[in-house]
Amino acid sequence: MYNDFGQQAVLGVLSHAFFIGITFYALRSVMIEKVVKKHHVFQFQLLYILVSIAIGSSVSNFFLSMSGWSRQIPFIFT
């Protein structure tokens, strides 16, 4: 029982870290630096990180939910 919770926690942490990293990498292709004001680089970098976390966490939650739901499908037939 507790082993399952531990495995789910590790899977959740790894999934979130992976998708946040992928989102950060994908956002690097967007050339928004031209829109940023001259002396507001730090604010832009902070926003960039927060947007990466928000999108990556949402995508990770989606995949974790799909994984959980797919494990519950066999219970339909019992």
PDB file of N, CA and C in Angstrom:
ATOM      1  N   MET A   1       0.827  -1.191   0.000  1.00  0.00           N
ATOM      2  CA  MET A   1       0.000   0.000   0.000  1.00  0.00           C
ATOM      3  C   MET A   1       0.870   1.253   0.000  1.00  0.00           C
ATOM      4  N   TYR A   2       1.775   1.384   0.992  1.00  0.00           N
ATOM      5  CA  TYR A   2       2.626   2.564   1.064  1.00  0.00           C
ATOM      6  C   TYR A   2       3.650   2.590  -0.065  1.00  0.00           C
ATOM      7  N   ASN A   3       4.024   1.407  -0.541  1.00  0.00           N
ATOM      8  CA  ASN A   3       4.958   1.310  -1.649  1.00  0.00           C
ATOM      9  C   ASN A   3       4.354   1.937  -2.908  1.00  0.00           C
ATOM     10  N   ASP A   4       3.041   1.744  -3.117  1.00  0.00           N
ATOM     11  CA  ASP A   4       2.360   2.334  -4.265  1.00  0.00           C
ATOM     12  C   ASP A   4       2.369   3.858  -4.186  1.00  0.00           C
ATOM     13  N   PHE A   5       2.166   4.386  -2.974  1.00  0.00           N
ATOM     14  CA  PHE A   5       2.186   5.845  -2.805  1.00  0.00           C
ATOM     15  C   PHE A   5       3.574   6.399  -3.117  1.00  0.00           C
ATOM     16  N   GLY A   6       4.599   5.684  -2.685  1.00  0.00           N
ATOM     17  CA  GLY A   6       5.965   6.113  -2.953  1.00  0.00           C
ATOM     18  C   GLY A   6       6.277   6.093  -4.439  1.00  0.00           C
ATOM     19  N   GLN A   7       5.823   5.044  -5.125  1.00  0.00           N
ATOM     20  CA  GLN A   7       6.051   4.953  -6.565  1.00  0.00           C
ATOM     21  C   GLN A   7       5.310   6.052  -7.307  1.00  0.00           C
ATOM     22  N   GLN A   8       4.091   6.340  -6.885  1.00  0.00           N
ATOM     23  CA  GLN A   8       3.324   7.414  -7.523  1.00  0.00           C
ATOM     24  C   GLN A   8       3.973   8.773  -7.280  1.00  0.00           C
ATOM     25  N   ALA A   9       4.529   8.972  -6.093  1.00  0.00           N
ATOM     26  CA  ALA A   9       5.195  10.236  -5.780  1.00  0.00           C
ATOM     27  C   ALA A   9       6.435  10.425  -6.645  1.00  0.00           C
ATOM     28  N   VAL A  10       7.220   9.368  -6.769  1.00  0.00           N
ATOM     29  CA  VAL A  10       8.429   9.455  -7.608  1.00  0.00           C
ATOM     30  C   VAL A  10       8.047   9.686  -9.062  1.00  0.00           C
ATOM     31  N   LEU A  11       7.037   8.971  -9.538  1.00  0.00           N
ATOM     32  CA  LEU A  11       6.580   9.155 -10.911  1.00  0.00           C
ATOM     33  C   LEU A  11       6.085  10.578 -11.133  1.00  0.00           C
ATOM     34  N   GLY A  12       5.363  11.136 -10.175  1.00  0.00           N
ATOM     35  CA  GLY A  12       4.860  12.499 -10.288  1.00  0.00           C
ATOM     36  C   GLY A  12       5.977  13.529 -10.332  1.00  0.00           C
ATOM     37  N   VAL A  13       6.967  13.377  -9.454  1.00  0.00           N
ATOM     38  CA  VAL A  13       8.096  14.314  -9.419  1.00  0.00           C
ATOM     39  C   VAL A  13       8.883  14.246 -10.723  1.00  0.00           C
ATOM     40  N   LEU A  14       9.172  13.030 -11.174  1.00  0.00           N
ATOM     41  CA  LEU A  14       9.931  12.875 -12.418  1.00  0.00           C
ATOM     42  C   LEU A  14       9.148  13.394 -13.619  1.00  0.00           C
ATOM     43  N   SER A  15       7.860  13.133 -13.641  1.00  0.00           N
ATOM     44  CA  SER A  15       7.022  13.603 -14.745  1.00  0.00           C
ATOM     45  C   SER A  15       6.983  15.127 -14.794  1.00  0.00           C
ATOM     46  N   HIS A  16       6.781  15.754 -13.652  1.00  0.00           N
ATOM     47  CA  HIS A  16       6.740  17.215 -13.616  1.00  0.00           C
ATOM     48  C   HIS A  16       8.085  17.804 -14.049  1.00  0.00           C
ATOM     49  N   ALA A  17       9.179  17.274 -13.523  1.00  0.00           N
ATOM     50  CA  ALA A  17      10.503  17.781 -13.888  1.00  0.00           C
ATOM     51  C   ALA A  17      10.756  17.607 -15.383  1.00  0.00           C
ATOM     52  N   PHE A  18      10.396  16.450 -15.928  1.00  0.00           N
ATOM     53  CA  PHE A  18      10.597  16.186 -17.350  1.00  0.00           C
ATOM     54  C   PHE A  18       9.807  17.162 -18.218  1.00  0.00           C
ATOM     55  N   PHE A  19       8.524  17.330 -17.929  1.00  0.00           N
ATOM     56  CA  PHE A  19       7.692  18.186 -18.773  1.00  0.00           C
ATOM     57  C   PHE A  19       8.007  19.670 -18.586  1.00  0.00           C
ATOM     58  N   ILE A  20       8.434  20.073 -17.405  1.00  0.00           N
ATOM     59  CA  ILE A  20       8.872  21.460 -17.227  1.00  0.00           C
ATOM     60  C   ILE A  20      10.135  21.700 -18.046  1.00  0.00           C
ATOM     61  N   GLY A  21      11.045  20.743 -18.043  1.00  0.00           N
ATOM     62  CA  GLY A  21      12.261  20.857 -18.859  1.00  0.00           C
ATOM     63  C   GLY A  21      11.947  20.905 -20.343  1.00  0.00           C
ATOM     64  N   ILE A  22      11.042  20.047 -20.790  1.00  0.00           N
ATOM     65  CA  ILE A  22      10.647  20.038 -22.202  1.00  0.00           C
ATOM     66  C   ILE A  22       9.996  21.363 -22.580  1.00  0.00           C
ATOM     67  N   THR A  23       9.146  21.890 -21.715  1.00  0.00           N
ATOM     68  CA  THR A  23       8.493  23.166 -21.990  1.00  0.00           C
ATOM     69  C   THR A  23       9.511  24.295 -22.038  1.00  0.00           C
ATOM     70  N   PHE A  24      10.446  24.293 -21.109  1.00  0.00           N
ATOM     71  CA  PHE A  24      11.496  25.317 -21.103  1.00  0.00           C
ATOM     72  C   PHE A  24      12.278  25.266 -22.408  1.00  0.00           C
ATOM     73  N   TYR A  25      12.616  24.058 -22.845  1.00  0.00           N
ATOM     74  CA  TYR A  25      13.355  23.874 -24.098  1.00  0.00           C
ATOM     75  C   TYR A  25      12.524  24.362 -25.290  1.00  0.00           C
ATOM     76  N   ALA A  26      11.244  24.044 -25.299  1.00  0.00           N
ATOM     77  CA  ALA A  26      10.375  24.444 -26.411  1.00  0.00           C
ATOM     78  C   ALA A  26      10.185  25.961 -26.448  1.00  0.00           C
ATOM     79  N   LEU A  27      10.085  26.584 -25.293  1.00  0.00           N
ATOM     80  CA  LEU A  27       9.900  28.040 -25.257  1.00  0.00           C
ATOM     81  C   LEU A  27      11.141  28.792 -25.714  1.00  0.00           C
ATOM     82  N   ARG A  28      12.291  28.141 -25.671  1.00  0.00           N
ATOM     83  CA  ARG A  28      13.523  28.784 -26.128  1.00  0.00           C
ATOM     84  C   ARG A  28      13.464  29.114 -27.619  1.00  0.00           C
ATOM     85  N   SER A  29      12.613  28.422 -28.371  1.00  0.00           N
ATOM     86  CA  SER A  29      12.519  28.664 -29.803  1.00  0.00           C
ATOM     87  C   SER A  29      11.718  29.926 -30.130  1.00  0.00           C
ATOM     88  N   VAL A  30      10.981  30.436 -29.160  1.00  0.00           N
ATOM     89  CA  VAL A  30      10.189  31.652 -29.374  1.00  0.00           C
ATOM     90  C   VAL A  30      11.086  32.865 -29.157  1.00  0.00           C
ATOM     91  N   MET A  31      11.122  33.755 -30.132  1.00  0.00           N
ATOM     92  CA  MET A  31      11.995  34.929 -30.071  1.00  0.00           C
ATOM     93  C   MET A  31      11.246  36.123 -29.451  1.00  0.00           C
ATOM     94  N   ILE A  32      10.996  36.045 -28.159  1.00  0.00           N
ATOM     95  CA  ILE A  32      10.270  37.116 -27.483  1.00  0.00           C
ATOM     96  C   ILE A  32      11.224  38.190 -26.967  1.00  0.00           C
ATOM     97  N   GLU A  33      12.513  37.933 -27.005  1.00  0.00           N
ATOM     98  CA  GLU A  33      13.494  38.877 -26.470  1.00  0.00           C
ATOM     99  C   GLU A  33      13.387  40.252 -27.118  1.00  0.00           C
ATOM    100  N   LYS A  34      12.901  40.310 -28.340  1.00  0.00           N
ATOM    101  CA  LYS A  34      12.778  41.583 -29.048  1.00  0.00           C
ATOM    102  C   LYS A  34      11.677  42.460 -28.461  1.00  0.00           C
ATOM    103  N   VAL A  35      10.747  41.860 -27.757  1.00  0.00           N
ATOM    104  CA  VAL A  35       9.626  42.601 -27.175  1.00  0.00           C
ATOM    105  C   VAL A  35       9.964  43.121 -25.780  1.00  0.00           C
ATOM    106  N   VAL A  36      10.954  42.540 -25.135  1.00  0.00           N
ATOM    107  CA  VAL A  36      11.297  42.870 -23.756  1.00  0.00           C
ATOM    108  C   VAL A  36      11.932  44.260 -23.689  1.00  0.00           C
ATOM    109  N   LYS A  37      11.506  45.037 -22.705  1.00  0.00           N
ATOM    110  CA  LYS A  37      12.102  46.351 -22.499  1.00  0.00           C
ATOM    111  C   LYS A  37      13.554  46.202 -22.061  1.00  0.00           C
ATOM    112  N   LYS A  38      14.337  47.218 -22.319  1.00  0.00           N
ATOM    113  CA  LYS A  38      15.778  47.155 -22.111  1.00  0.00           C
ATOM    114  C   LYS A  38      16.204  46.769 -20.693  1.00  0.00           C
ATOM    115  N   HIS A  39      15.640  47.377 -19.699  1.00  0.00           N
ATOM    116  CA  HIS A  39      16.099  47.168 -18.323  1.00  0.00           C
ATOM    117  C   HIS A  39      15.185  46.226 -17.535  1.00  0.00           C
ATOM    118  N   HIS A  40      14.456  45.369 -18.233  1.00  0.00           N
ATOM    119  CA  HIS A  40      13.533  44.445 -17.569  1.00  0.00           C
ATOM    120  C   HIS A  40      13.848  42.997 -17.928  1.00  0.00           C
ATOM    121  N   VAL A  41      15.112  42.699 -18.094  1.00  0.00           N
ATOM    122  CA  VAL A  41      15.524  41.354 -18.481  1.00  0.00           C
ATOM    123  C   VAL A  41      15.245  40.351 -17.365  1.00  0.00           C
ATOM    124  N   PHE A  42      15.524  40.733 -16.117  1.00  0.00           N
ATOM    125  CA  PHE A  42      15.299  39.808 -14.998  1.00  0.00           C
ATOM    126  C   PHE A  42      13.824  39.448 -14.879  1.00  0.00           C
ATOM    127  N   GLN A  43      12.935  40.443 -15.024  1.00  0.00           N
ATOM    128  CA  GLN A  43      11.499  40.173 -14.947  1.00  0.00           C
ATOM    129  C   GLN A  43      11.073  39.223 -16.064  1.00  0.00           C
ATOM    130  N   PHE A  44      11.653  39.410 -17.252  1.00  0.00           N
ATOM    131  CA  PHE A  44      11.316  38.517 -18.354  1.00  0.00           C
ATOM    132  C   PHE A  44      11.789  37.093 -18.074  1.00  0.00           C
ATOM    133  N   GLN A  45      12.991  36.942 -17.546  1.00  0.00           N
ATOM    134  CA  GLN A  45      13.503  35.614 -17.238  1.00  0.00           C
ATOM    135  C   GLN A  45      12.651  34.925 -16.177  1.00  0.00           C
ATOM    136  N   LEU A  46      12.220  35.697 -15.188  1.00  0.00           N
ATOM    137  CA  LEU A  46      11.344  35.149 -14.152  1.00  0.00           C
ATOM    138  C   LEU A  46      10.009  34.712 -14.750  1.00  0.00           C
ATOM    139  N   LEU A  47       9.440  35.541 -15.599  1.00  0.00           N
ATOM    140  CA  LEU A  47       8.189  35.190 -16.276  1.00  0.00           C
ATOM    141  C   LEU A  47       8.370  33.946 -17.132  1.00  0.00           C
ATOM    142  N   TYR A  48       9.483  33.859 -17.812  1.00  0.00           N
ATOM    143  CA  TYR A  48       9.816  32.715 -18.667  1.00  0.00           C
ATOM    144  C   TYR A  48       9.829  31.417 -17.853  1.00  0.00           C
ATOM    145  N   ILE A  49      10.443  31.462 -16.693  1.00  0.00           N
ATOM    146  CA  ILE A  49      10.506  30.288 -15.815  1.00  0.00           C
ATOM    147  C   ILE A  49       9.121  29.932 -15.290  1.00  0.00           C
ATOM    148  N   LEU A  50       8.351  30.934 -14.874  1.00  0.00           N
ATOM    149  CA  LEU A  50       7.012  30.676 -14.339  1.00  0.00           C
ATOM    150  C   LEU A  50       6.072  30.120 -15.403  1.00  0.00           C
ATOM    151  N   VAL A  51       6.167  30.623 -16.626  1.00  0.00           N
ATOM    152  CA  VAL A  51       5.337  30.101 -17.721  1.00  0.00           C
ATOM    153  C   VAL A  51       5.744  28.653 -18.023  1.00  0.00           C
ATOM    154  N   SER A  52       7.039  28.371 -17.991  1.00  0.00           N
ATOM    155  CA  SER A  52       7.503  26.995 -18.204  1.00  0.00           C
ATOM    156  C   SER A  52       6.953  26.064 -17.135  1.00  0.00           C
ATOM    157  N   ILE A  53       6.965  26.499 -15.896  1.00  0.00           N
ATOM    158  CA  ILE A  53       6.437  25.675 -14.801  1.00  0.00           C
ATOM    159  C   ILE A  53       4.935  25.466 -14.962  1.00  0.00           C
ATOM    160  N   ALA A  54       4.210  26.531 -15.306  1.00  0.00           N
ATOM    161  CA  ALA A  54       2.755  26.416 -15.446  1.00  0.00           C
ATOM    162  C   ALA A  54       2.371  25.467 -16.578  1.00  0.00           C
ATOM    163  N   ILE A  55       2.977  25.622 -17.738  1.00  0.00           N
ATOM    164  CA  ILE A  55       2.648  24.762 -18.872  1.00  0.00           C
ATOM    165  C   ILE A  55       3.122  23.333 -18.624  1.00  0.00           C
ATOM    166  N   GLY A  56       4.355  23.182 -18.146  1.00  0.00           N
ATOM    167  CA  GLY A  56       4.889  21.847 -17.890  1.00  0.00           C
ATOM    168  C   GLY A  56       4.092  21.085 -16.849  1.00  0.00           C
ATOM    169  N   SER A  57       3.679  21.758 -15.792  1.00  0.00           N
ATOM    170  CA  SER A  57       2.878  21.099 -14.756  1.00  0.00           C
ATOM    171  C   SER A  57       1.512  20.689 -15.288  1.00  0.00           C
ATOM    172  N   SER A  58       0.913  21.535 -16.106  1.00  0.00           N
ATOM    173  CA  SER A  58      -0.390  21.189 -16.692  1.00  0.00           C
ATOM    174  C   SER A  58      -0.287  19.966 -17.594  1.00  0.00           C
ATOM    175  N   VAL A  59       0.727  19.927 -18.434  1.00  0.00           N
ATOM    176  CA  VAL A  59       0.920  18.782 -19.322  1.00  0.00           C
ATOM    177  C   VAL A  59       1.224  17.525 -18.504  1.00  0.00           C
ATOM    178  N   SER A  60       2.044  17.655 -17.476  1.00  0.00           N
ATOM    179  CA  SER A  60       2.367  16.517 -16.623  1.00  0.00           C
ATOM    180  C   SER A  60       1.117  16.005 -15.914  1.00  0.00           C
ATOM    181  N   ASN A  61       0.304  16.908 -15.377  1.00  0.00           N
ATOM    182  CA  ASN A  61      -0.940  16.494 -14.726  1.00  0.00           C
ATOM    183  C   ASN A  61      -1.847  15.755 -15.702  1.00  0.00           C
ATOM    184  N   PHE A  62      -1.900  16.214 -16.952  1.00  0.00           N
ATOM    185  CA  PHE A  62      -2.699  15.533 -17.964  1.00  0.00           C
ATOM    186  C   PHE A  62      -2.209  14.099 -18.160  1.00  0.00           C
ATOM    187  N   PHE A  63      -0.903  13.920 -18.343  1.00  0.00           N
ATOM    188  CA  PHE A  63      -0.378  12.581 -18.574  1.00  0.00           C
ATOM    189  C   PHE A  63      -0.511  11.693 -17.340  1.00  0.00           C
ATOM    190  N   LEU A  64      -0.340  12.250 -16.155  1.00  0.00           N
ATOM    191  CA  LEU A  64      -0.517  11.453 -14.943  1.00  0.00           C
ATOM    192  C   LEU A  64      -1.974  11.040 -14.763  1.00  0.00           C
ATOM    193  N   SER A  65      -2.902  11.927 -15.099  1.00  0.00           N
ATOM    194  CA  SER A  65      -4.325  11.585 -15.032  1.00  0.00           C
ATOM    195  C   SER A  65      -4.672  10.499 -16.041  1.00  0.00           C
ATOM    196  N   MET A  66      -4.162  10.643 -17.256  1.00  0.00           N
ATOM    197  CA  MET A  66      -4.423   9.620 -18.279  1.00  0.00           C
ATOM    198  C   MET A  66      -3.857   8.269 -17.850  1.00  0.00           C
ATOM    199  N   SER A  67      -2.686   8.284 -17.240  1.00  0.00           N
ATOM    200  CA  SER A  67      -2.072   7.047 -16.758  1.00  0.00           C
ATOM    201  C   SER A  67      -2.927   6.411 -15.660  1.00  0.00           C
ATOM    202  N   GLY A  68      -3.394   7.217 -14.739  1.00  0.00           N
ATOM    203  CA  GLY A  68      -4.240   6.693 -13.662  1.00  0.00           C
ATOM    204  C   GLY A  68      -5.559   6.154 -14.174  1.00  0.00           C
ATOM    205  N   TRP A  69      -6.158   6.869 -15.103  1.00  0.00           N
ATOM    206  CA  TRP A  69      -7.437   6.415 -15.667  1.00  0.00           C
ATOM    207  C   TRP A  69      -7.258   5.134 -16.467  1.00  0.00           C
ATOM    208  N   SER A  70      -6.144   5.033 -17.196  1.00  0.00           N
ATOM    209  CA  SER A  70      -5.935   3.821 -17.992  1.00  0.00           C
ATOM    210  C   SER A  70      -5.720   2.599 -17.099  1.00  0.00           C
ATOM    211  N   ARG A  71      -5.164   2.799 -15.908  1.00  0.00           N
ATOM    212  CA  ARG A  71      -5.014   1.677 -14.976  1.00  0.00           C
ATOM    213  C   ARG A  71      -6.356   1.258 -14.387  1.00  0.00           C
ATOM    214  N   GLN A  72      -7.344   2.139 -14.418  1.00  0.00           N
ATOM    215  CA  GLN A  72      -8.661   1.826 -13.858  1.00  0.00           C
ATOM    216  C   GLN A  72      -9.609   1.197 -14.871  1.00  0.00           C
ATOM    217  N   ILE A  73      -9.259   1.212 -16.150  1.00  0.00           N
ATOM    218  CA  ILE A  73     -10.131   0.654 -17.183  1.00  0.00           C
ATOM    219  C   ILE A  73     -10.478  -0.813 -16.952  1.00  0.00           C
ATOM    220  N   PRO A  74      -9.535  -1.645 -16.522  1.00  0.00           N
ATOM    221  CA  PRO A  74      -9.914  -3.071 -16.303  1.00  0.00           C
ATOM    222  C   PRO A  74     -11.027  -3.267 -15.278  1.00  0.00           C
ATOM    223  N   PHE A  75     -11.228  -2.301 -14.387  1.00  0.00           N
ATOM    224  CA  PHE A  75     -12.278  -2.444 -13.376  1.00  0.00           C
ATOM    225  C   PHE A  75     -13.688  -2.346 -13.978  1.00  0.00           C
ATOM    226  N   ILE A  76     -13.789  -1.862 -15.211  1.00  0.00           N
ATOM    227  CA  ILE A  76     -15.096  -1.808 -15.879  1.00  0.00           C
ATOM    228  C   ILE A  76     -15.628  -3.224 -16.097  1.00  0.00           C
ATOM    229  N   PHE A  77     -14.721  -4.133 -16.380  1.00  0.00           N
ATOM    230  CA  PHE A  77     -15.107  -5.480 -16.774  1.00  0.00           C
ATOM    231  C   PHE A  77     -15.175  -6.464 -15.603  1.00  0.00           C
ATOM    232  N   THR A  78     -15.101  -5.978 -14.376  1.00  0.00           N
ATOM    233  CA  THR A  78     -15.180  -6.893 -13.237  1.00  0.00           C
ATOM    234  C   THR A  78     -16.507  -6.797 -12.548  1.00  0.00           C
TER     235      THR A  78
END
